[in-house]
Protein backbone atom coordinates (compact mmCIF):
# COMPACT_ATOMS: atom_id res chain seq x y z
CA MET A 1 -4.92 23.28 -50.63
CA SER A 2 -8.29 22.39 -52.20
CA GLN A 3 -11.59 22.49 -50.34
CA HIS A 4 -12.01 18.75 -50.86
CA THR A 5 -8.65 18.04 -49.23
CA MET A 6 -9.45 20.29 -46.23
CA ASP A 7 -12.82 18.57 -45.67
CA ARG A 8 -11.17 15.14 -45.81
CA ASP A 9 -8.52 16.13 -43.22
CA ARG A 10 -11.18 17.58 -40.89
CA ARG A 11 -13.26 14.38 -41.04
CA TYR A 12 -10.18 12.26 -40.28
CA THR A 13 -9.25 14.43 -37.30
CA GLU A 14 -12.77 14.26 -35.87
CA ARG A 15 -12.85 10.45 -36.25
CA ARG A 16 -9.43 10.12 -34.56
CA TYR A 17 -10.35 12.23 -31.51
CA SER A 18 -13.71 10.54 -31.22
CA THR A 19 -12.10 7.10 -31.23
CA THR A 20 -9.44 8.17 -28.72
CA GLY A 21 -12.01 9.66 -26.36
CA ALA A 22 -14.20 6.58 -26.49
CA SER A 23 -11.21 4.38 -25.90
CA SER A 24 -10.10 6.50 -22.94
CA LYS A 25 -13.62 6.42 -21.54
CA ARG A 26 -13.81 2.65 -21.87
CA THR A 27 -10.39 2.29 -20.27
CA HIS A 28 -11.39 4.53 -17.37
CA THR A 29 -14.68 2.71 -16.92
CA ASP A 30 -13.07 -0.71 -17.05
CA SER A 31 -10.35 0.41 -14.66
CA GLY A 32 -12.89 1.83 -12.25
CA HIS A 33 -14.98 -1.34 -12.46
CA HIS A 34 -11.92 -3.49 -11.81
CA SER A 35 -10.82 -1.27 -8.91
CA ASN A 36 -14.27 -1.34 -7.30
CA GLY A 37 -14.41 -5.10 -7.72
CA ALA A 38 -11.01 -5.47 -6.09
CA LEU A 39 -12.10 -3.25 -3.22
CA ARG A 40 -15.25 -5.26 -2.72
CA LYS A 41 -13.25 -8.47 -2.73
CA LYS A 42 -10.82 -7.17 -0.11
CA LYS A 43 -13.61 -5.75 2.01
CA PHE A 44 -15.53 -8.99 2.37
CA SER A 45 -12.68 -11.49 2.26
CA LEU A 46 -11.86 -13.19 5.56
CA VAL A 47 -8.18 -13.90 4.96
CA SER A 48 -7.08 -11.54 2.18
CA ILE A 49 -3.72 -9.90 2.77
CA GLY A 50 -4.03 -6.49 4.34
CA LYS A 51 -7.77 -6.83 5.05
CA GLY A 52 -8.22 -10.26 6.60
CA LEU A 53 -6.75 -12.37 9.37
CA ASP A 54 -3.05 -13.12 9.28
CA VAL A 55 -3.23 -16.84 8.44
CA PRO A 56 0.23 -17.91 9.74
CA PHE A 57 -0.38 -16.20 13.07
CA CYS A 58 -3.81 -17.83 13.42
CA MET A 59 -2.44 -21.27 12.55
CA LEU A 60 0.32 -20.97 15.16
CA ILE A 61 -2.19 -19.97 17.85
CA VAL A 62 -4.51 -22.88 17.03
CA LEU A 63 -1.56 -25.29 16.94
CA LEU A 64 -0.32 -24.17 20.36
CA LEU A 65 -3.84 -24.37 21.76
CA ALA A 66 -4.31 -27.91 20.46
CA ILE A 67 -0.97 -29.11 21.84
CA GLY A 68 -1.42 -27.18 25.08
CA ILE A 69 -4.88 -28.56 25.86
CA THR A 70 -3.73 -32.10 25.00
CA MET A 71 -0.72 -31.89 27.29
CA MET A 72 -2.69 -30.16 30.06
CA PHE A 73 -5.19 -33.04 30.01
CA SER A 74 -2.42 -35.62 30.00
CA ALA A 75 -0.82 -33.91 33.01
CA SER A 76 -4.06 -33.31 34.94
CA TYR A 77 -6.24 -36.42 34.76
CA PRO A 78 -4.59 -38.32 37.67
CA VAL A 79 -4.82 -35.37 40.09
CA ALA A 80 -8.31 -34.49 38.82
CA PHE A 81 -9.54 -38.04 39.52
CA TYR A 82 -7.85 -38.14 42.94
CA GLU A 83 -9.08 -34.74 44.15
CA ILE A 84 -12.42 -34.34 42.36
CA GLY A 85 -13.37 -37.80 41.13
CA ASP A 86 -13.60 -36.66 37.50
CA SER A 87 -10.55 -37.23 35.30
CA TYR A 88 -11.95 -34.83 32.69
CA TYR A 89 -12.62 -31.96 35.10
CA TYR A 90 -9.74 -29.71 34.03
CA LEU A 91 -10.08 -30.70 30.38
CA LYS A 92 -13.75 -29.70 30.18
CA ARG A 93 -13.13 -26.33 31.79
CA GLN A 94 -10.02 -25.59 29.71
CA LEU A 95 -11.89 -26.47 26.50
CA LEU A 96 -14.64 -24.05 27.52
CA PHE A 97 -12.09 -21.31 28.20
CA ALA A 98 -10.39 -21.97 24.84
CA LEU A 99 -13.62 -21.93 22.81
CA VAL A 100 -14.85 -18.73 24.46
CA GLY A 101 -11.38 -17.23 24.06
CA LEU A 102 -11.25 -18.05 20.35
CA ALA A 103 -14.66 -16.43 19.84
CA ILE A 104 -13.41 -13.34 21.70
CA MET A 105 -10.21 -13.34 19.62
CA LEU A 106 -12.11 -13.37 16.33
CA ALA A 107 -14.54 -10.69 17.53
CA VAL A 108 -11.73 -8.41 18.70
CA SER A 109 -9.89 -8.90 15.41
CA TYR A 110 -12.76 -7.03 13.71
CA PHE A 111 -12.56 -4.20 16.26
CA ASN A 112 -10.45 -1.24 15.14
CA TYR A 113 -7.48 -1.30 17.49
CA HIS A 114 -7.14 2.50 17.26
CA ASN A 115 -10.19 2.75 19.54
CA PHE A 116 -8.06 1.44 22.40
CA HIS A 117 -6.33 4.83 22.35
CA LYS A 118 -9.44 6.32 23.93
CA PHE A 119 -9.78 3.59 26.56
CA SER A 120 -6.15 3.26 27.71
CA ALA A 121 -6.51 5.41 30.84
CA PHE A 122 -9.89 3.87 31.65
CA ILE A 123 -8.55 0.30 31.37
CA LEU A 124 -5.58 1.23 33.55
CA GLY A 125 -8.05 2.55 36.13
CA VAL A 126 -10.02 -0.71 35.95
CA SER A 127 -6.82 -2.66 36.60
CA TYR A 128 -6.14 -0.57 39.72
CA LEU A 129 -9.71 -1.12 40.89
CA ALA A 130 -9.40 -4.88 40.42
CA LEU A 131 -6.14 -4.96 42.38
CA VAL A 132 -7.79 -3.02 45.24
CA VAL A 133 -10.93 -5.17 45.25
CA VAL A 134 -8.93 -8.39 45.43
CA LEU A 135 -7.21 -7.11 48.58
CA LEU A 136 -10.59 -6.61 50.27
CA ILE A 137 -11.67 -10.22 49.71
CA PRO A 138 -10.90 -12.41 52.75
CA SER A 139 -8.35 -15.17 52.23
CA GLU A 140 -7.57 -18.15 54.47
CA THR A 141 -4.01 -18.40 53.17
CA GLY A 142 -3.21 -14.70 53.37
CA ILE A 143 -2.73 -14.51 49.58
CA HIS A 144 -5.16 -12.25 47.68
CA ARG A 145 -5.21 -12.82 43.93
CA TRP A 146 -8.69 -13.89 42.83
CA ILE A 147 -12.09 -12.25 42.48
CA GLY A 148 -14.54 -15.13 42.75
CA ILE A 149 -17.58 -15.29 40.45
CA GLY A 150 -19.51 -18.48 41.19
CA ASP A 151 -17.35 -21.49 40.38
CA TYR A 152 -14.93 -19.31 38.44
CA GLY A 153 -12.49 -16.59 39.37
CA ILE A 154 -10.75 -13.62 37.78
CA GLN A 155 -7.06 -13.09 38.48
CA ALA A 156 -6.70 -9.32 38.77
CA SER A 157 -3.03 -9.34 37.77
CA GLU A 158 -3.89 -10.58 34.26
CA ILE A 159 -5.76 -7.32 33.64
CA SER A 160 -2.79 -5.33 34.96
CA LYS A 161 -0.37 -6.79 32.40
CA PHE A 162 -2.59 -5.75 29.50
CA ALA A 163 -3.42 -2.37 31.02
CA ILE A 164 0.24 -1.39 31.39
CA ILE A 165 1.11 -2.47 27.83
CA LEU A 166 -1.86 -0.54 26.44
CA PHE A 167 -1.23 2.63 28.42
CA LEU A 168 2.49 2.77 27.64
CA ALA A 169 1.77 2.12 23.94
CA HIS A 170 -0.72 4.99 24.00
CA TRP A 171 1.69 7.27 25.85
CA GLY A 172 4.72 6.31 23.76
CA SER A 173 2.92 6.92 20.48
CA ARG A 174 1.51 10.25 21.63
CA TYR A 175 4.78 11.64 23.03
CA TYR A 176 7.28 9.67 20.96
CA ASP A 177 9.37 12.75 20.18
CA LYS A 178 9.62 13.56 23.90
CA MET A 179 10.17 10.06 25.31
CA HIS A 180 13.89 10.73 25.72
CA THR A 181 13.10 13.32 28.39
CA LEU A 182 12.63 12.72 32.10
CA LYS A 183 9.19 14.34 32.21
CA TYR A 184 7.54 12.43 29.36
CA GLY A 185 9.61 9.25 29.29
CA VAL A 186 10.76 8.20 32.74
CA LEU A 187 8.25 9.66 35.19
CA PRO A 188 5.00 8.37 33.59
CA GLY A 189 6.44 4.88 33.13
CA ALA A 190 7.82 4.82 36.66
CA ALA A 191 4.53 6.07 38.11
CA VAL A 192 2.49 3.34 36.38
CA PHE A 193 4.91 0.59 37.35
CA VAL A 194 5.44 1.64 40.98
CA SER A 195 1.72 2.10 41.68
CA THR A 196 0.92 -1.32 40.18
CA ALA A 197 3.87 -3.00 41.92
CA ILE A 198 2.77 -1.70 45.33
CA LEU A 199 -0.69 -3.21 44.91
CA LEU A 200 0.80 -6.50 43.70
CA LEU A 201 3.20 -6.49 46.65
CA LEU A 202 0.23 -6.41 49.03
CA GLU A 203 -1.31 -9.55 47.49
CA PRO A 204 1.58 -10.70 47.40
CA HIS A 205 2.30 -11.63 43.76
CA TYR A 206 6.02 -11.27 43.15
CA SER A 207 6.13 -13.17 39.86
CA CYS A 208 3.68 -10.70 38.33
CA ILE A 209 5.81 -7.80 39.61
CA VAL A 210 8.76 -9.30 37.72
CA ILE A 211 6.67 -9.64 34.54
CA VAL A 212 5.25 -6.12 34.84
CA ALA A 213 8.75 -4.72 35.42
CA CYS A 214 10.10 -6.46 32.30
CA LEU A 215 7.12 -5.33 30.20
CA THR A 216 7.57 -1.74 31.40
CA VAL A 217 11.25 -1.80 30.40
CA ILE A 218 10.41 -3.27 26.97
CA MET A 219 7.69 -0.70 26.29
CA LEU A 220 9.84 2.24 27.36
CA PHE A 221 12.79 0.97 25.34
CA VAL A 222 10.84 0.57 22.09
CA SER A 223 9.24 3.97 22.74
CA GLY A 224 12.65 5.64 22.59
CA ILE A 225 13.66 6.17 26.22
CA ARG A 226 17.37 6.70 26.84
CA LEU A 227 19.29 3.69 28.11
CA ARG A 228 20.91 5.61 30.96
CA TYR A 229 17.48 6.19 32.47
CA LEU A 230 16.81 2.45 32.38
CA ALA A 231 20.16 1.81 34.07
CA ILE A 232 19.35 4.32 36.82
CA ALA A 233 15.91 2.74 37.27
CA GLY A 234 17.55 -0.66 37.63
CA VAL A 235 19.81 0.59 40.39
CA LEU A 236 16.88 2.22 42.21
CA LEU A 237 14.83 -0.98 41.88
CA ALA A 238 17.67 -3.04 43.34
CA GLY A 239 17.90 -0.59 46.25
CA ALA A 240 14.14 -0.86 46.84
CA ILE A 241 14.36 -4.67 46.92
CA LEU A 242 17.18 -4.50 49.48
CA LEU A 243 15.12 -2.11 51.60
CA LEU A 244 12.08 -4.39 51.49
CA TRP A 245 14.25 -7.36 52.40
CA ALA A 246 15.81 -5.51 55.34
CA THR A 247 12.38 -4.49 56.67
CA GLY A 248 10.99 -8.03 56.38
CA LEU A 249 8.37 -7.23 53.75
CA LEU A 250 9.78 -9.87 51.39
CA THR A 251 9.33 -12.81 53.74
CA TYR A 252 7.10 -14.71 51.33
CA ALA A 253 9.53 -14.23 48.46
CA MET A 254 12.58 -15.07 50.57
CA ASP A 255 10.97 -18.34 51.66
CA ARG A 256 10.71 -19.24 47.97
CA MET A 257 14.32 -18.25 47.37
CA ASP A 258 15.74 -20.30 50.25
CA GLY A 259 15.63 -23.48 48.20
CA TRP A 260 16.52 -21.86 44.87
CA GLY A 261 19.15 -23.89 43.03
CA LYS A 262 19.22 -26.53 45.77
CA ALA A 263 16.31 -28.77 44.80
CA LEU A 264 18.55 -31.83 44.43
CA GLU A 265 20.52 -31.18 47.63
CA TYR A 266 19.44 -32.47 51.03
CA ILE A 267 20.25 -29.85 53.64
CA ASP A 268 17.48 -30.42 56.18
CA GLU A 269 13.93 -31.79 56.22
CA ALA A 270 12.31 -28.35 55.94
CA GLN A 271 14.33 -27.43 52.87
CA TRP A 272 13.72 -30.88 51.35
CA GLN A 273 9.94 -30.46 51.64
CA GLN A 274 10.07 -26.87 50.42
CA THR A 275 11.76 -27.88 47.15
CA TRP A 276 9.51 -30.90 46.58
CA GLN A 277 7.76 -29.46 43.52
CA THR A 278 10.90 -28.20 41.82
CA ARG A 279 12.76 -31.43 42.52
CA ASN A 280 10.03 -33.59 40.98
CA SER A 281 9.96 -31.22 38.03
CA LEU A 282 13.65 -31.92 37.46
CA TYR A 283 12.99 -35.67 37.83
CA ALA A 284 10.30 -35.42 35.13
CA ILE A 285 12.53 -33.46 32.76
CA GLY A 286 15.46 -35.81 33.26
CA SER A 287 13.47 -39.02 32.87
CA GLY A 288 12.08 -37.87 29.51
CA GLY A 289 15.43 -38.23 27.82
CA LEU A 290 15.70 -37.52 24.12
CA PHE A 291 12.42 -38.98 22.85
CA GLY A 292 10.29 -39.09 26.01
CA LEU A 293 8.30 -41.86 27.66
CA GLY A 294 5.36 -41.39 25.29
CA LEU A 295 2.16 -39.35 25.39
CA GLY A 296 0.26 -40.13 28.59
CA GLN A 297 3.11 -42.19 30.08
CA SER A 298 4.43 -39.70 32.65
CA ARG A 299 5.16 -41.09 36.11
CA GLN A 300 5.63 -37.81 37.98
CA LYS A 301 2.05 -36.66 37.34
CA TYR A 302 0.77 -39.45 39.60
CA LEU A 303 0.78 -37.22 42.69
CA TYR A 304 4.55 -36.77 42.80
CA LEU A 305 4.60 -33.37 41.05
CA PRO A 306 2.06 -31.08 42.79
CA GLU A 307 -0.51 -29.43 40.50
CA PRO A 308 1.12 -30.53 37.23
CA GLN A 309 -1.66 -28.91 35.21
CA ASN A 310 -0.58 -25.41 36.20
CA ASP A 311 2.84 -23.77 36.11
CA PHE A 312 4.79 -27.04 35.85
CA VAL A 313 2.90 -28.54 32.92
CA PHE A 314 5.96 -28.21 30.68
CA ALA A 315 7.88 -30.60 32.95
CA ILE A 316 5.30 -33.27 32.01
CA VAL A 317 5.74 -32.26 28.36
CA CYS A 318 9.46 -32.94 28.66
CA GLU A 319 8.84 -36.27 30.38
CA GLU A 320 6.35 -37.54 27.82
CA LEU A 321 7.68 -35.98 24.60
CA GLY A 322 11.37 -35.77 25.47
CA LEU A 323 13.91 -33.14 24.51
CA ILE A 324 12.94 -33.27 20.83
CA GLY A 325 9.25 -32.67 21.52
CA ALA A 326 9.96 -29.90 24.01
CA VAL A 327 12.30 -28.09 21.61
CA ALA A 328 9.75 -28.42 18.80
CA ILE A 329 7.11 -26.73 20.97
CA LEU A 330 9.52 -23.95 21.92
CA LEU A 331 10.21 -23.41 18.21
CA VAL A 332 6.47 -22.96 17.61
CA PHE A 333 6.41 -20.35 20.38
CA ALA A 334 9.41 -18.65 18.76
CA LEU A 335 7.62 -18.59 15.40
CA LEU A 336 4.54 -17.07 17.04
CA VAL A 337 6.60 -14.30 18.63
CA TRP A 338 8.48 -13.69 15.38
CA ARG A 339 5.27 -13.46 13.36
CA GLY A 340 3.75 -11.14 15.95
CA VAL A 341 6.75 -8.83 15.73
CA VAL A 342 6.55 -8.85 11.91
CA ILE A 343 2.86 -7.88 12.04
CA SER A 344 3.59 -5.14 14.57
CA LEU A 345 6.45 -3.62 12.59
CA ARG A 346 4.24 -3.48 9.49
CA ALA A 347 1.52 -1.52 11.28
CA LYS A 348 0.73 1.80 9.64
CA ASP A 349 1.00 3.83 12.83
CA ARG A 350 3.29 3.96 15.85
CA PHE A 351 0.53 3.00 18.27
CA GLY A 352 -0.03 -0.28 16.41
CA LYS A 353 3.71 -1.01 16.41
CA LEU A 354 4.13 -0.38 20.13
CA LEU A 355 0.95 -2.17 21.16
CA GLY A 356 1.67 -5.25 19.04
CA ILE A 357 5.27 -5.55 20.21
CA GLY A 358 4.20 -5.21 23.84
CA LEU A 359 1.48 -7.87 23.58
CA ILE A 360 3.63 -10.43 21.79
CA SER A 361 6.54 -9.70 24.14
CA GLN A 362 4.40 -10.88 27.04
CA ILE A 363 4.08 -14.31 25.38
CA GLY A 364 7.81 -14.67 24.84
CA LEU A 365 8.64 -13.33 28.30
CA GLN A 366 6.32 -15.75 30.12
CA VAL A 367 7.60 -18.73 28.12
CA ILE A 368 11.22 -17.91 29.01
CA LEU A 369 10.47 -17.29 32.69
CA ASN A 370 8.36 -20.45 32.99
CA ILE A 371 11.12 -22.61 31.52
CA LEU A 372 13.67 -21.03 33.87
CA VAL A 373 11.42 -21.76 36.88
CA ILE A 374 10.73 -25.45 36.11
CA THR A 375 14.47 -26.03 35.54
CA ASP A 376 15.37 -24.29 38.84
CA TRP A 377 17.20 -21.43 37.15
CA LEU A 378 14.74 -19.07 38.83
CA PRO A 379 12.90 -19.38 42.17
CA ASN A 380 9.52 -21.12 42.12
CA THR A 381 7.34 -18.03 41.70
CA GLY A 382 4.27 -19.27 39.86
CA ILE A 383 4.58 -18.14 36.22
CA SER A 384 2.11 -19.80 33.87
CA LEU A 385 2.99 -21.13 30.42
CA PRO A 386 0.80 -19.45 27.76
CA PHE A 387 -1.84 -21.74 26.17
CA PHE A 388 -0.62 -24.72 28.25
CA SER A 389 -1.16 -23.96 31.94
CA TYR A 390 -4.67 -24.43 33.28
CA GLY A 391 -6.55 -21.21 34.01
CA GLY A 392 -9.45 -19.23 32.59
CA SER A 393 -8.21 -15.70 33.29
CA SER A 394 -4.89 -16.30 31.59
CA MET A 395 -6.42 -18.10 28.59
CA LEU A 396 -9.13 -15.52 27.96
CA MET A 397 -6.80 -12.54 28.34
CA LEU A 398 -4.13 -14.06 26.10
CA LEU A 399 -6.60 -14.82 23.31
CA PHE A 400 -8.15 -11.37 23.70
CA GLN A 401 -4.68 -9.87 23.25
CA MET A 402 -3.97 -12.09 20.24
CA GLY A 403 -7.19 -10.74 18.75
CA ILE A 404 -5.76 -7.22 19.00
CA ILE A 405 -2.65 -8.33 17.10
CA LEU A 406 -4.93 -9.83 14.43
CA SER A 407 -6.77 -6.50 14.29
CA ILE A 408 -3.41 -4.81 13.67
CA SER A 409 -2.70 -7.35 10.91
CA ARG A 410 -5.92 -6.43 9.09
CA SER A 411 -4.70 -2.91 8.45
CA ALA A 412 -0.96 -3.60 8.50
CA ASN A 413 1.21 -2.24 5.72
CA ILE A 414 1.57 -5.66 4.05
CA GLU A 415 2.32 -5.82 0.35
CA LYS A 416 -0.93 -6.32 -1.54
CA ILE A 417 -1.44 -9.14 -4.04
C-alpha cells in the first residue's frame, strides 16, 4: 500500500472518530439538559404525577366538603335560630373548621410522611394523655369526652383513632415478617386496643370503642396477622362484653340498646321517648322518597329530629335529596375510599401502604356505621358522618389525615408521564 493511501485512510479514521465523539458528547449534553429540565419541572409542579397532589383525590374531598357543608347548613338553621338566635351559627363555625382544615391538609401534604415513623409512639402517648385529661374534667351529665378551649373543644377520641392507625402501621411495617407470631403480631395490637378501650369505657364512649376495634382488626389483618388469632380475639372480646354486662358496667350502652330495632313500635312511654331521635330519622328517610322534597324543604329538621346537624344529618339528606341523591353521595364516598386505597397500594414502602389503608378505612368505616345507625340497623351510638356532621375536632383530624394520604401520593409509585 502506498504512503499516500495510508495517509488518506488515517485522516478519514481521525475525522470519523472525531465526529462520533462530538455527536456522543452533544447527545449526552442534550440528554442531561433534558433530564435536568424534567426534574426541575417535577420538583416545582403542584400537580404533576408522582411529585404533586393527587388531583382526583383532592377533587373528591372538595366535592364532599361542599356538599357536606351545604347539607349541614340546611339541616341546622332551624335549630340554630331556635336555640341561639342565629341561623348561620353552625354554618359559620363549620366553614371556619373546613378552611383551617384544608390549609392543614395542604401543609401536611408537603410533609414527608416517613417522619411519622419517629413520632408514632409519641403520638400514641399523647392520645393516652388526652383520654386521661378528659376524665379529670368535671361533667354535669357524667359523660367525659371534651377538652374545652374557650368556645371550642377537642374530642380526645379523635386523636386516639389516628394514633392507633399510625402506631400499628409503624409496628406492622417494622415487624412485617414476624406479624404472624403471637409476640409481634397479637400482643402489641391487643395491648394498644385494650388500653385505649379501657379509657374510652370510662368516658363512656362506646361508639369509638367499636370504631377503634374495627380499625385495629383492619390494621392487623393488612399487616399479615393470622386469621385464627383474630377469631380468638373476637371470642375473648365477646366474653369481655358479657362480663361487663353482667357486672352492670354497660348500663349506658344497654339503655341505648333497649330501643334498638323498635323505633316504630310503641311498647311503653319510656321506650317511645327513648327512640324519638331514631324514629324521626326513619320518618325523614321515608318521606324523601325517590327524588326528595327539595333542598331546604325538610320537615323533620324543624325541631322534630334532635340535633340534625350532627350524627343524623344524612337523614335530612335523604329527606331533601331522596334516594337518588343519597346514593349519589354514597358513590362519591366509595370513589374517595377506592382512590385512597389505590394511592396507598402504590406507595413505595410498606409503611406508606399500611398507613394509607388505615386512614382511608376510617372514612369508609364511619360512613357505613353512620348509615346503619340512622336506619336503626345499629343502636344509636353517636357516630359522625365524615365531612357532613358538625364538629371541629372531627373535621380538622379528617383533613389532617387526608393530607397524609396526599403526602403518600406525592412519592407513590405512579407511572410517570
